[in-house]
Amino acid sequence: MKILKTLLLATTVLSAIAVKAQTANEIVDKYVAALGGKDKIAGIKTIYTESSVQIMGNEAPSTTTLVNGKGFKNEMDFNGSKIVQCYTKDGGWTINPFQGQTTAEPLPAEMVKRGKAQLDIGGPLFNYAAKGNKVELVGKEDVNNVKNAYKLKVTTPDSLVMMMYIDPTTYYLIKNVSTISAQGQEIEVGSIFSDYKKTDYGYPVPYSTELALPQGMSLTIVTKKVEINKEVDPKIFEMPK
């Protein structure tokens, strides 16, 4: 009798786990469909974005160039000083006059490790199993004006963990929370995405992104222009000598 009860309990637990995993898969499938489907996402080779970064009452023009799996580069002009951050599959570098870096310097290994995630245009949910990512549905949570957003925990093979919140109506990503390394410290950064619009390619992107930073700081990125599959010279990702 005791063995029978144990088997029944084990079956119940395993069934619950299976249902939970299946639900997470269904959410991811609807998320991928909302972005245009697997073929649409797989067809994106480059994304070029022009934005305006609003921080502490100042506005800074910004451009971001992404070549899938190869290179990511962001350039921001803040009061006449250009801040550059670049990642490639082989490393990363930065120029930041506000930190005394007036010439290009390599990024720390831990920062490169986390930054390389930006090379993946499809993101951690697209083809997640093939990438070795683990996705779990850990509950629901209200995000801004969205009720009961699905809360997915994503763990990468490098043990990077992020919480991704999916709108239950549109199935767009509306919030992402992750931990990054900055100035030798681990800090939590939350991003809220809204005002989704479809590009000429048919791929929807958020035209408003709010970043919550430590010590109560925040910044807003307003997208002005998006070009999909624009020709990109790979030399732009090379670190200046």
C-alpha atoms as a PDB file:
ATOM      1  CA  MET A   1       0.000   0.000   0.000  1.00  0.00           C
ATOM      2  CA  LYS A   2       2.824   2.380   0.874  1.00  0.00           C
ATOM      3  CA  ILE A   3       4.505   1.663  -2.476  1.00  0.00           C
ATOM      4  CA  LEU A   4       1.212   2.286  -4.292  1.00  0.00           C
ATOM      5  CA  LYS A   5       0.767   5.654  -2.560  1.00  0.00           C
ATOM      6  CA  THR A   6       4.327   6.615  -3.472  1.00  0.00           C
ATOM      7  CA  LEU A   7       3.756   5.708  -7.118  1.00  0.00           C
ATOM      8  CA  LEU A   8       0.510   7.700  -7.210  1.00  0.00           C
ATOM      9  CA  LEU A   9       2.249  10.725  -5.673  1.00  0.00           C
ATOM     10  CA  ALA A  10       5.128  10.454  -8.130  1.00  0.00           C
ATOM     11  CA  THR A  11       2.696  10.203 -11.048  1.00  0.00           C
ATOM     12  CA  THR A  12       0.822  13.289  -9.852  1.00  0.00           C
ATOM     13  CA  VAL A  13       4.031  15.300  -9.493  1.00  0.00           C
ATOM     14  CA  LEU A  14       5.331  14.213 -12.890  1.00  0.00           C
ATOM     15  CA  SER A  15       1.996  15.061 -14.503  1.00  0.00           C
ATOM     16  CA  ALA A  16       2.055  18.524 -12.959  1.00  0.00           C
ATOM     17  CA  ILE A  17       5.579  19.107 -14.230  1.00  0.00           C
ATOM     18  CA  ALA A  18       4.593  17.944 -17.724  1.00  0.00           C
ATOM     19  CA  VAL A  19       1.595  20.276 -17.832  1.00  0.00           C
ATOM     20  CA  LYS A  20       3.723  23.181 -16.642  1.00  0.00           C
ATOM     21  CA  ALA A  21       6.392  22.501 -19.286  1.00  0.00           C
ATOM     22  CA  GLN A  22       3.764  22.164 -21.994  1.00  0.00           C
ATOM     23  CA  THR A  23       2.203  25.480 -20.966  1.00  0.00           C
ATOM     24  CA  ALA A  24       5.576  27.206 -21.161  1.00  0.00           C
ATOM     25  CA  ASN A  25       6.082  25.747 -24.632  1.00  0.00           C
ATOM     26  CA  GLU A  26       2.682  26.973 -25.757  1.00  0.00           C
ATOM     27  CA  ILE A  27       3.453  30.490 -24.550  1.00  0.00           C
ATOM     28  CA  VAL A  28       6.782  30.489 -26.392  1.00  0.00           C
ATOM     29  CA  ASP A  29       5.093  29.185 -29.564  1.00  0.00           C
ATOM     30  CA  LYS A  30       2.535  32.019 -29.434  1.00  0.00           C
ATOM     31  CA  TYR A  31       5.312  34.530 -28.766  1.00  0.00           C
ATOM     32  CA  VAL A  32       7.186  33.342 -31.860  1.00  0.00           C
ATOM     33  CA  ALA A  33       3.973  33.449 -33.917  1.00  0.00           C
ATOM     34  CA  ALA A  34       3.289  37.020 -32.742  1.00  0.00           C
ATOM     35  CA  LEU A  35       6.683  38.066 -34.120  1.00  0.00           C
ATOM     36  CA  GLY A  36       5.814  36.643 -37.527  1.00  0.00           C
ATOM     37  CA  GLY A  37       6.753  32.993 -37.133  1.00  0.00           C
ATOM     38  CA  LYS A  38       9.961  30.994 -37.297  1.00  0.00           C
ATOM     39  CA  ASP A  39      10.696  31.641 -40.970  1.00  0.00           C
ATOM     40  CA  LYS A  40      10.205  35.400 -40.582  1.00  0.00           C
ATOM     41  CA  ILE A  41      12.566  35.583 -37.604  1.00  0.00           C
ATOM     42  CA  ALA A  42      15.131  33.264 -39.211  1.00  0.00           C
ATOM     43  CA  GLY A  43      15.148  35.521 -42.278  1.00  0.00           C
ATOM     44  CA  ILE A  44      16.470  38.510 -40.307  1.00  0.00           C
ATOM     45  CA  LYS A  45      20.206  38.935 -40.862  1.00  0.00           C
ATOM     46  CA  THR A  46      20.694  42.532 -39.704  1.00  0.00           C
ATOM     47  CA  ILE A  47      18.802  45.189 -37.755  1.00  0.00           C
ATOM     48  CA  TYR A  48      19.743  48.881 -37.835  1.00  0.00           C
ATOM     49  CA  THR A  49      18.020  51.224 -35.377  1.00  0.00           C
ATOM     50  CA  GLU A  50      18.070  54.979 -34.817  1.00  0.00           C
ATOM     51  CA  SER A  51      16.813  56.114 -31.420  1.00  0.00           C
ATOM     52  CA  SER A  52      16.686  58.942 -28.921  1.00  0.00           C
ATOM     53  CA  VAL A  53      17.882  58.191 -25.387  1.00  0.00           C
ATOM     54  CA  GLN A  54      16.279  60.388 -22.745  1.00  0.00           C
ATOM     55  CA  ILE A  55      18.109  60.512 -19.410  1.00  0.00           C
ATOM     56  CA  MET A  56      18.075  63.067 -16.581  1.00  0.00           C
ATOM     57  CA  GLY A  57      16.390  65.699 -18.721  1.00  0.00           C
ATOM     58  CA  ASN A  58      18.869  65.264 -21.576  1.00  0.00           C
ATOM     59  CA  GLU A  59      18.336  63.733 -24.992  1.00  0.00           C
ATOM     60  CA  ALA A  60      21.055  61.779 -26.788  1.00  0.00           C
ATOM     61  CA  PRO A  61      20.824  60.421 -30.337  1.00  0.00           C
ATOM     62  CA  SER A  62      21.770  56.763 -30.631  1.00  0.00           C
ATOM     63  CA  THR A  63      22.313  54.189 -33.366  1.00  0.00           C
ATOM     64  CA  THR A  64      22.463  50.413 -32.988  1.00  0.00           C
ATOM     65  CA  THR A  65      23.716  47.982 -35.612  1.00  0.00           C
ATOM     66  CA  LEU A  66      23.226  44.248 -35.184  1.00  0.00           C
ATOM     67  CA  VAL A  67      24.413  41.452 -37.452  1.00  0.00           C
ATOM     68  CA  ASN A  68      22.924  38.166 -36.337  1.00  0.00           C
ATOM     69  CA  GLY A  69      25.477  36.023 -34.534  1.00  0.00           C
ATOM     70  CA  LYS A  70      28.395  38.245 -35.519  1.00  0.00           C
ATOM     71  CA  GLY A  71      28.327  41.781 -34.176  1.00  0.00           C
ATOM     72  CA  PHE A  72      26.462  44.353 -32.076  1.00  0.00           C
ATOM     73  CA  LYS A  73      27.422  48.016 -31.899  1.00  0.00           C
ATOM     74  CA  ASN A  74      25.740  50.913 -30.144  1.00  0.00           C
ATOM     75  CA  GLU A  75      26.868  54.523 -30.509  1.00  0.00           C
ATOM     76  CA  MET A  76      25.380  57.326 -28.418  1.00  0.00           C
ATOM     77  CA  ASP A  77      26.226  61.020 -28.631  1.00  0.00           C
ATOM     78  CA  PHE A  78      25.821  62.589 -25.185  1.00  0.00           C
ATOM     79  CA  ASN A  79      26.464  66.355 -25.149  1.00  0.00           C
ATOM     80  CA  GLY A  80      29.066  66.055 -27.884  1.00  0.00           C
ATOM     81  CA  SER A  81      30.843  63.035 -26.400  1.00  0.00           C
ATOM     82  CA  LYS A  82      30.408  59.697 -28.159  1.00  0.00           C
ATOM     83  CA  ILE A  83      29.925  56.542 -26.112  1.00  0.00           C
ATOM     84  CA  VAL A  84      30.492  53.294 -28.015  1.00  0.00           C
ATOM     85  CA  GLN A  85      29.833  49.732 -26.938  1.00  0.00           C
ATOM     86  CA  CYS A  86      30.542  46.791 -29.222  1.00  0.00           C
ATOM     87  CA  TYR A  87      30.278  43.011 -28.952  1.00  0.00           C
ATOM     88  CA  THR A  88      31.360  40.340 -31.411  1.00  0.00           C
ATOM     89  CA  LYS A  89      31.451  36.559 -31.253  1.00  0.00           C
ATOM     90  CA  ASP A  90      35.138  36.900 -30.317  1.00  0.00           C
ATOM     91  CA  GLY A  91      34.993  39.649 -27.669  1.00  0.00           C
ATOM     92  CA  GLY A  92      33.970  43.223 -27.016  1.00  0.00           C
ATOM     93  CA  TRP A  93      35.232  46.776 -26.622  1.00  0.00           C
ATOM     94  CA  THR A  94      34.065  50.200 -25.529  1.00  0.00           C
ATOM     95  CA  ILE A  95      34.786  53.919 -25.662  1.00  0.00           C
ATOM     96  CA  ASN A  96      33.369  55.933 -22.771  1.00  0.00           C
ATOM     97  CA  PRO A  97      34.819  59.417 -22.119  1.00  0.00           C
ATOM     98  CA  PHE A  98      32.720  59.678 -18.949  1.00  0.00           C
ATOM     99  CA  GLN A  99      34.771  56.845 -17.460  1.00  0.00           C
ATOM    100  CA  GLY A 100      38.074  58.208 -18.743  1.00  0.00           C
ATOM    101  CA  GLN A 101      38.107  55.914 -21.782  1.00  0.00           C
ATOM    102  CA  THR A 102      38.843  58.249 -24.684  1.00  0.00           C
ATOM    103  CA  THR A 103      40.191  55.417 -26.844  1.00  0.00           C
ATOM    104  CA  ALA A 104      38.841  51.927 -27.453  1.00  0.00           C
ATOM    105  CA  GLU A 105      39.417  49.466 -24.597  1.00  0.00           C
ATOM    106  CA  PRO A 106      38.492  45.772 -24.308  1.00  0.00           C
ATOM    107  CA  LEU A 107      35.462  44.976 -22.193  1.00  0.00           C
ATOM    108  CA  PRO A 108      35.842  42.722 -19.117  1.00  0.00           C
ATOM    109  CA  ALA A 109      35.320  39.015 -19.798  1.00  0.00           C
ATOM    110  CA  GLU A 110      32.209  38.794 -17.603  1.00  0.00           C
ATOM    111  CA  MET A 111      30.600  41.738 -19.397  1.00  0.00           C
ATOM    112  CA  VAL A 112      31.420  40.177 -22.762  1.00  0.00           C
ATOM    113  CA  LYS A 113      29.880  36.913 -21.615  1.00  0.00           C
ATOM    114  CA  ARG A 114      26.580  38.608 -20.856  1.00  0.00           C
ATOM    115  CA  GLY A 115      26.718  41.057 -23.764  1.00  0.00           C
ATOM    116  CA  LYS A 116      27.045  38.329 -26.377  1.00  0.00           C
ATOM    117  CA  ALA A 117      23.363  37.549 -25.843  1.00  0.00           C
ATOM    118  CA  GLN A 118      22.665  40.683 -27.876  1.00  0.00           C
ATOM    119  CA  LEU A 119      24.136  39.000 -30.954  1.00  0.00           C
ATOM    120  CA  ASP A 120      21.114  36.720 -31.127  1.00  0.00           C
ATOM    121  CA  ILE A 121      18.402  38.496 -33.114  1.00  0.00           C
ATOM    122  CA  GLY A 122      15.840  35.812 -32.290  1.00  0.00           C
ATOM    123  CA  GLY A 123      16.429  36.218 -28.569  1.00  0.00           C
ATOM    124  CA  PRO A 124      16.622  33.509 -25.889  1.00  0.00           C
ATOM    125  CA  LEU A 125      13.076  32.197 -26.481  1.00  0.00           C
ATOM    126  CA  PHE A 126      13.442  31.565 -30.221  1.00  0.00           C
ATOM    127  CA  ASN A 127      14.606  27.966 -30.813  1.00  0.00           C
ATOM    128  CA  TYR A 128      15.463  27.933 -27.110  1.00  0.00           C
ATOM    129  CA  ALA A 129      15.885  24.163 -26.799  1.00  0.00           C
ATOM    130  CA  ALA A 130      18.380  24.044 -29.675  1.00  0.00           C
ATOM    131  CA  LYS A 131      20.362  26.813 -27.955  1.00  0.00           C
ATOM    132  CA  GLY A 132      20.440  24.837 -24.717  1.00  0.00           C
ATOM    133  CA  ASN A 133      18.227  27.333 -22.896  1.00  0.00           C
ATOM    134  CA  LYS A 134      15.800  26.202 -20.224  1.00  0.00           C
ATOM    135  CA  VAL A 135      12.414  27.954 -20.063  1.00  0.00           C
ATOM    136  CA  GLU A 136      10.062  27.639 -17.093  1.00  0.00           C
ATOM    137  CA  LEU A 137       6.673  29.185 -16.431  1.00  0.00           C
ATOM    138  CA  VAL A 138       6.984  30.455 -12.857  1.00  0.00           C
ATOM    139  CA  GLY A 139       3.701  32.342 -12.550  1.00  0.00           C
ATOM    140  CA  LYS A 140       1.829  35.445 -13.595  1.00  0.00           C
ATOM    141  CA  GLU A 141       2.375  39.075 -12.646  1.00  0.00           C
ATOM    142  CA  ASP A 142       0.864  42.480 -13.412  1.00  0.00           C
ATOM    143  CA  VAL A 143       3.237  44.633 -15.471  1.00  0.00           C
ATOM    144  CA  ASN A 144       2.253  48.286 -15.774  1.00  0.00           C
ATOM    145  CA  ASN A 145      -1.222  48.173 -17.339  1.00  0.00           C
ATOM    146  CA  VAL A 146      -1.024  44.521 -18.349  1.00  0.00           C
ATOM    147  CA  LYS A 147      -2.800  42.074 -16.076  1.00  0.00           C
ATOM    148  CA  ASN A 148      -1.539  38.542 -15.486  1.00  0.00           C
ATOM    149  CA  ALA A 149       1.498  38.684 -17.750  1.00  0.00           C
ATOM    150  CA  TYR A 150       3.176  35.300 -18.105  1.00  0.00           C
ATOM    151  CA  LYS A 151       6.453  35.194 -16.163  1.00  0.00           C
ATOM    152  CA  LEU A 152       9.048  32.970 -17.788  1.00  0.00           C
ATOM    153  CA  LYS A 153      12.376  32.103 -16.199  1.00  0.00           C
ATOM    154  CA  VAL A 154      15.074  31.583 -18.813  1.00  0.00           C
ATOM    155  CA  THR A 155      18.387  29.939 -17.926  1.00  0.00           C
ATOM    156  CA  THR A 156      21.176  29.760 -20.507  1.00  0.00           C
ATOM    157  CA  PRO A 157      23.955  27.142 -20.732  1.00  0.00           C
ATOM    158  CA  ASP A 158      26.274  29.816 -19.253  1.00  0.00           C
ATOM    159  CA  SER A 159      24.015  29.940 -16.160  1.00  0.00           C
ATOM    160  CA  LEU A 160      22.715  33.404 -17.056  1.00  0.00           C
ATOM    161  CA  VAL A 161      19.202  33.867 -15.680  1.00  0.00           C
ATOM    162  CA  MET A 162      16.559  36.318 -16.832  1.00  0.00           C
ATOM    163  CA  MET A 163      12.871  36.821 -16.178  1.00  0.00           C
ATOM    164  CA  MET A 164      10.807  37.503 -19.285  1.00  0.00           C
ATOM    165  CA  TYR A 165       7.213  38.711 -19.097  1.00  0.00           C
ATOM    166  CA  ILE A 166       4.838  37.987 -21.987  1.00  0.00           C
ATOM    167  CA  ASP A 167       1.608  39.897 -22.646  1.00  0.00           C
ATOM    168  CA  PRO A 168      -1.240  37.323 -22.473  1.00  0.00           C
ATOM    169  CA  THR A 169      -3.152  39.110 -25.238  1.00  0.00           C
ATOM    170  CA  THR A 170      -0.531  40.129 -27.821  1.00  0.00           C
ATOM    171  CA  TYR A 171       2.171  37.643 -26.740  1.00  0.00           C
ATOM    172  CA  TYR A 172       4.796  40.367 -27.121  1.00  0.00           C
ATOM    173  CA  LEU A 173       7.660  40.648 -24.645  1.00  0.00           C
ATOM    174  CA  ILE A 174       6.757  43.514 -22.307  1.00  0.00           C
ATOM    175  CA  LYS A 175       9.393  43.219 -19.585  1.00  0.00           C
ATOM    176  CA  ASN A 176      12.803  41.655 -19.095  1.00  0.00           C
ATOM    177  CA  VAL A 177      14.810  41.527 -15.871  1.00  0.00           C
ATOM    178  CA  SER A 178      18.416  40.366 -15.853  1.00  0.00           C
ATOM    179  CA  THR A 179      21.613  40.754 -13.879  1.00  0.00           C
ATOM    180  CA  ILE A 180      24.621  42.411 -15.478  1.00  0.00           C
ATOM    181  CA  SER A 181      28.172  43.180 -14.401  1.00  0.00           C
ATOM    182  CA  ALA A 182      29.114  46.865 -14.167  1.00  0.00           C
ATOM    183  CA  GLN A 183      32.220  48.350 -12.573  1.00  0.00           C
ATOM    184  CA  GLY A 184      32.914  45.091 -10.769  1.00  0.00           C
ATOM    185  CA  GLN A 185      29.417  44.786  -9.317  1.00  0.00           C
ATOM    186  CA  GLU A 186      26.412  42.636 -10.139  1.00  0.00           C
ATOM    187  CA  ILE A 187      23.389  44.844 -10.733  1.00  0.00           C
ATOM    188  CA  GLU A 188      19.821  44.074 -11.720  1.00  0.00           C
ATOM    189  CA  VAL A 189      18.451  45.856 -14.769  1.00  0.00           C
ATOM    190  CA  GLY A 190      14.803  45.849 -15.757  1.00  0.00           C
ATOM    191  CA  SER A 191      13.555  46.781 -19.231  1.00  0.00           C
ATOM    192  CA  ILE A 192       9.928  47.546 -20.071  1.00  0.00           C
ATOM    193  CA  PHE A 193       8.885  47.412 -23.733  1.00  0.00           C
ATOM    194  CA  SER A 194       5.837  49.087 -25.264  1.00  0.00           C
ATOM    195  CA  ASP A 195       4.447  50.807 -28.370  1.00  0.00           C
ATOM    196  CA  TYR A 196       5.115  47.870 -30.672  1.00  0.00           C
ATOM    197  CA  LYS A 197       5.012  48.639 -34.392  1.00  0.00           C
ATOM    198  CA  LYS A 198       5.603  46.427 -37.403  1.00  0.00           C
ATOM    199  CA  THR A 199       8.547  47.244 -39.649  1.00  0.00           C
ATOM    200  CA  ASP A 200       8.330  47.139 -43.443  1.00  0.00           C
ATOM    201  CA  TYR A 201       9.646  43.590 -43.143  1.00  0.00           C
ATOM    202  CA  GLY A 202       6.632  42.694 -41.010  1.00  0.00           C
ATOM    203  CA  TYR A 203       8.605  42.141 -37.824  1.00  0.00           C
ATOM    204  CA  PRO A 204       7.197  44.015 -34.770  1.00  0.00           C
ATOM    205  CA  VAL A 205       9.600  45.941 -32.534  1.00  0.00           C
ATOM    206  CA  PRO A 206       9.000  48.077 -29.415  1.00  0.00           C
ATOM    207  CA  TYR A 207       9.331  51.775 -30.134  1.00  0.00           C
ATOM    208  CA  SER A 208       9.583  52.607 -26.439  1.00  0.00           C
ATOM    209  CA  THR A 209      11.925  50.991 -23.923  1.00  0.00           C
ATOM    210  CA  GLU A 210      12.262  52.049 -20.298  1.00  0.00           C
ATOM    211  CA  LEU A 211      15.361  50.916 -18.409  1.00  0.00           C
ATOM    212  CA  ALA A 212      15.308  50.837 -14.618  1.00  0.00           C
ATOM    213  CA  LEU A 213      18.844  51.283 -13.285  1.00  0.00           C
ATOM    214  CA  PRO A 214      20.267  51.081  -9.743  1.00  0.00           C
ATOM    215  CA  GLN A 215      19.910  53.973  -7.275  1.00  0.00           C
ATOM    216  CA  GLY A 216      16.539  54.943  -8.713  1.00  0.00           C
ATOM    217  CA  MET A 217      17.927  56.027 -12.072  1.00  0.00           C
ATOM    218  CA  SER A 218      16.080  55.332 -15.312  1.00  0.00           C
ATOM    219  CA  LEU A 219      16.265  56.148 -18.977  1.00  0.00           C
ATOM    220  CA  THR A 220      13.863  55.927 -21.892  1.00  0.00           C
ATOM    221  CA  ILE A 221      14.780  54.873 -25.407  1.00  0.00           C
ATOM    222  CA  VAL A 222      12.429  56.096 -28.122  1.00  0.00           C
ATOM    223  CA  THR A 223      12.934  54.368 -31.464  1.00  0.00           C
ATOM    224  CA  LYS A 224      12.823  56.626 -34.515  1.00  0.00           C
ATOM    225  CA  LYS A 225      13.768  54.314 -37.371  1.00  0.00           C
ATOM    226  CA  VAL A 226      14.274  50.589 -37.952  1.00  0.00           C
ATOM    227  CA  GLU A 227      15.760  48.919 -41.019  1.00  0.00           C
ATOM    228  CA  ILE A 228      15.749  45.144 -41.421  1.00  0.00           C
ATOM    229  CA  ASN A 229      18.410  43.385 -43.526  1.00  0.00           C
ATOM    230  CA  LYS A 230      20.319  46.546 -44.354  1.00  0.00           C
ATOM    231  CA  GLU A 231      23.808  45.928 -45.755  1.00  0.00           C
ATOM    232  CA  VAL A 232      26.411  46.247 -42.996  1.00  0.00           C
ATOM    233  CA  ASP A 233      30.191  46.505 -43.364  1.00  0.00           C
ATOM    234  CA  PRO A 234      31.637  44.011 -40.819  1.00  0.00           C
ATOM    235  CA  LYS A 235      34.626  46.319 -40.309  1.00  0.00           C
ATOM    236  CA  ILE A 236      32.496  48.565 -38.075  1.00  0.00           C
ATOM    237  CA  PHE A 237      32.802  45.941 -35.314  1.00  0.00           C
ATOM    238  CA  GLU A 238      36.617  45.954 -35.334  1.00  0.00           C
ATOM    239  CA  MET A 239      38.206  47.637 -32.317  1.00  0.00           C
ATOM    240  CA  PRO A 240      40.097  50.821 -33.366  1.00  0.00           C
ATOM    241  CA  LYS A 241      43.838  50.590 -32.791  1.00  0.00           C
END
